[in-house]
Amino acid sequence: MLIVGGDAHPSDRRVGVVQLLPRDDLVVVLGRTTKQPKLNDRCIPSPVTLECSLDKSGWWIERHKHSIDRRHFGTPACQFLGTLPPAEMKALEEFWEQVRWG
């Protein structure tokens, strides 16, 4: 699932849902940035995906990992943008497993 919002950052940063937490009200997301990552950032590339309103190449990045209260989903602050293509979703899931377990 790809959503926009749910971030303290003032821009409309896109985030990908990577884990539903044991608490039913929270999910963990990884942020996506179009700015060049810093040298030590753990990240993976994210290509343009117009079906999800991703009109610039970017990176899924560990640095922007945070949780979102599920009650914000579907509100103007946290809108659903679509589902990533299967290859990118698989890459994001594998990246999350690396980030999650160190």
C-alpha atoms as a PDB file:
ATOM      1  CA  MET A   1       0.000   0.000   0.000  1.00  0.00           C
ATOM      2  CA  LEU A   2       1.263   3.476  -0.811  1.00  0.00           C
ATOM      3  CA  ILE A   3      -0.054   6.528   0.972  1.00  0.00           C
ATOM      4  CA  VAL A   4       0.817  10.182   1.220  1.00  0.00           C
ATOM      5  CA  GLY A   5       1.080  12.089   4.456  1.00  0.00           C
ATOM      6  CA  GLY A   6       1.317  10.916   8.025  1.00  0.00           C
ATOM      7  CA  ASP A   7       4.651  12.643   8.310  1.00  0.00           C
ATOM      8  CA  ALA A   8       5.784  15.629  10.356  1.00  0.00           C
ATOM      9  CA  HIS A   9       7.783  16.780   7.334  1.00  0.00           C
ATOM     10  CA  PRO A  10       6.049  19.782   5.730  1.00  0.00           C
ATOM     11  CA  SER A  11       5.962  18.252   2.240  1.00  0.00           C
ATOM     12  CA  ASP A  12       3.683  15.555   0.910  1.00  0.00           C
ATOM     13  CA  ARG A  13       6.229  12.769   1.342  1.00  0.00           C
ATOM     14  CA  ARG A  14       5.061   9.414   0.094  1.00  0.00           C
ATOM     15  CA  VAL A  15       5.292   6.521   2.514  1.00  0.00           C
ATOM     16  CA  GLY A  16       4.930   2.791   2.029  1.00  0.00           C
ATOM     17  CA  VAL A  17       3.219   0.643   4.633  1.00  0.00           C
ATOM     18  CA  VAL A  18       5.664  -2.107   5.608  1.00  0.00           C
ATOM     19  CA  GLN A  19       4.346  -3.603   8.834  1.00  0.00           C
ATOM     20  CA  LEU A  20       1.138  -3.852  10.783  1.00  0.00           C
ATOM     21  CA  LEU A  21       2.090  -3.710  14.445  1.00  0.00           C
ATOM     22  CA  PRO A  22       0.627  -6.013  17.107  1.00  0.00           C
ATOM     23  CA  ARG A  23      -1.362  -3.024  18.239  1.00  0.00           C
ATOM     24  CA  ASP A  24      -4.181  -2.848  15.710  1.00  0.00           C
ATOM     25  CA  ASP A  25      -4.099   0.938  15.609  1.00  0.00           C
ATOM     26  CA  LEU A  26      -0.500   1.441  14.367  1.00  0.00           C
ATOM     27  CA  VAL A  27       1.416   0.649  11.197  1.00  0.00           C
ATOM     28  CA  VAL A  28       5.090   1.181  10.360  1.00  0.00           C
ATOM     29  CA  VAL A  29       5.957   3.030   7.181  1.00  0.00           C
ATOM     30  CA  LEU A  30       9.140   3.794   5.294  1.00  0.00           C
ATOM     31  CA  GLY A  31       9.371   7.191   3.698  1.00  0.00           C
ATOM     32  CA  ARG A  32      10.264   7.887   0.094  1.00  0.00           C
ATOM     33  CA  THR A  33      12.461  10.800  -0.890  1.00  0.00           C
ATOM     34  CA  THR A  34      13.445  12.279  -4.225  1.00  0.00           C
ATOM     35  CA  LYS A  35      16.495  13.998  -2.702  1.00  0.00           C
ATOM     36  CA  GLN A  36      19.868  12.301  -3.019  1.00  0.00           C
ATOM     37  CA  PRO A  37      20.358  10.115   0.085  1.00  0.00           C
ATOM     38  CA  LYS A  38      23.266  10.806   2.404  1.00  0.00           C
ATOM     39  CA  LEU A  39      26.321   8.577   2.098  1.00  0.00           C
ATOM     40  CA  ASN A  40      25.435   6.308   5.057  1.00  0.00           C
ATOM     41  CA  ASP A  41      21.672   6.132   4.436  1.00  0.00           C
ATOM     42  CA  ARG A  42      20.232   2.673   3.947  1.00  0.00           C
ATOM     43  CA  CYS A  43      17.871   2.929   1.007  1.00  0.00           C
ATOM     44  CA  ILE A  44      16.714   1.299  -2.217  1.00  0.00           C
ATOM     45  CA  PRO A  45      15.764   2.937  -5.510  1.00  0.00           C
ATOM     46  CA  SER A  46      12.141   3.701  -6.309  1.00  0.00           C
ATOM     47  CA  PRO A  47      11.359   4.389  -9.960  1.00  0.00           C
ATOM     48  CA  VAL A  48       8.703   6.665 -11.397  1.00  0.00           C
ATOM     49  CA  THR A  49       5.282   5.018 -10.960  1.00  0.00           C
ATOM     50  CA  LEU A  50       2.657   7.336 -12.352  1.00  0.00           C
ATOM     51  CA  GLU A  51      -0.176   5.027 -11.247  1.00  0.00           C
ATOM     52  CA  CYS A  52       0.781   5.923  -7.649  1.00  0.00           C
ATOM     53  CA  SER A  53       1.502   9.621  -8.333  1.00  0.00           C
ATOM     54  CA  LEU A  54       5.270   9.011  -8.090  1.00  0.00           C
ATOM     55  CA  ASP A  55       6.354  11.320 -10.892  1.00  0.00           C
ATOM     56  CA  LYS A  56      10.040  11.492  -9.944  1.00  0.00           C
ATOM     57  CA  SER A  57      12.591   8.768  -9.312  1.00  0.00           C
ATOM     58  CA  GLY A  58      13.464   8.433  -5.659  1.00  0.00           C
ATOM     59  CA  TRP A  59      14.486   6.120  -2.835  1.00  0.00           C
ATOM     60  CA  TRP A  60      12.726   4.233  -0.061  1.00  0.00           C
ATOM     61  CA  ILE A  61      14.834   5.230   2.919  1.00  0.00           C
ATOM     62  CA  GLU A  62      15.274   3.914   6.443  1.00  0.00           C
ATOM     63  CA  ARG A  63      15.853   7.391   7.860  1.00  0.00           C
ATOM     64  CA  HIS A  64      12.179   8.275   7.322  1.00  0.00           C
ATOM     65  CA  LYS A  65      10.806   5.203   9.138  1.00  0.00           C
ATOM     66  CA  HIS A  66       7.995   5.956  11.569  1.00  0.00           C
ATOM     67  CA  SER A  67       4.612   4.712  12.706  1.00  0.00           C
ATOM     68  CA  ILE A  68       1.202   6.113  11.806  1.00  0.00           C
ATOM     69  CA  ASP A  69      -2.027   5.738  13.703  1.00  0.00           C
ATOM     70  CA  ARG A  70      -4.383   3.818  11.430  1.00  0.00           C
ATOM     71  CA  ARG A  71      -7.240   6.238  12.178  1.00  0.00           C
ATOM     72  CA  HIS A  72      -5.516   8.776   9.882  1.00  0.00           C
ATOM     73  CA  PHE A  73      -5.834   6.496   6.842  1.00  0.00           C
ATOM     74  CA  GLY A  74      -8.257   7.864   4.283  1.00  0.00           C
ATOM     75  CA  THR A  75      -8.155  11.383   5.710  1.00  0.00           C
ATOM     76  CA  PRO A  76      -6.677  14.367   3.849  1.00  0.00           C
ATOM     77  CA  ALA A  77      -3.545  13.933   5.985  1.00  0.00           C
ATOM     78  CA  CYS A  78      -3.023  10.328   4.858  1.00  0.00           C
ATOM     79  CA  GLN A  79      -4.494   9.520   1.441  1.00  0.00           C
ATOM     80  CA  PHE A  80      -4.264   6.171  -0.344  1.00  0.00           C
ATOM     81  CA  LEU A  81      -2.358   6.506  -3.638  1.00  0.00           C
ATOM     82  CA  GLY A  82      -2.296   2.926  -4.827  1.00  0.00           C
ATOM     83  CA  THR A  83      -0.405  -0.311  -4.703  1.00  0.00           C
ATOM     84  CA  LEU A  84       3.175  -0.526  -5.914  1.00  0.00           C
ATOM     85  CA  PRO A  85       3.976  -2.788  -8.862  1.00  0.00           C
ATOM     86  CA  PRO A  86       4.826  -6.331  -7.675  1.00  0.00           C
ATOM     87  CA  ALA A  87       8.592  -6.067  -8.317  1.00  0.00           C
ATOM     88  CA  GLU A  88       8.944  -2.834  -6.336  1.00  0.00           C
ATOM     89  CA  MET A  89       6.690  -4.127  -3.561  1.00  0.00           C
ATOM     90  CA  LYS A  90       8.844  -7.246  -3.242  1.00  0.00           C
ATOM     91  CA  ALA A  91      12.009  -5.104  -3.135  1.00  0.00           C
ATOM     92  CA  LEU A  92      10.450  -2.863  -0.467  1.00  0.00           C
ATOM     93  CA  GLU A  93       9.414  -5.885   1.618  1.00  0.00           C
ATOM     94  CA  GLU A  94      12.933  -7.358   1.389  1.00  0.00           C
ATOM     95  CA  PHE A  95      14.461  -3.974   2.291  1.00  0.00           C
ATOM     96  CA  TRP A  96      12.125  -3.726   5.299  1.00  0.00           C
ATOM     97  CA  GLU A  97      13.284  -7.130   6.536  1.00  0.00           C
ATOM     98  CA  GLN A  98      16.902  -5.896   6.379  1.00  0.00           C
ATOM     99  CA  VAL A  99      16.022  -2.643   8.180  1.00  0.00           C
ATOM    100  CA  ARG A 100      13.843  -4.402  10.730  1.00  0.00           C
ATOM    101  CA  TRP A 101      16.395  -7.012  11.769  1.00  0.00           C
ATOM    102  CA  GLY A 102      19.510  -4.891  11.419  1.00  0.00           C
END
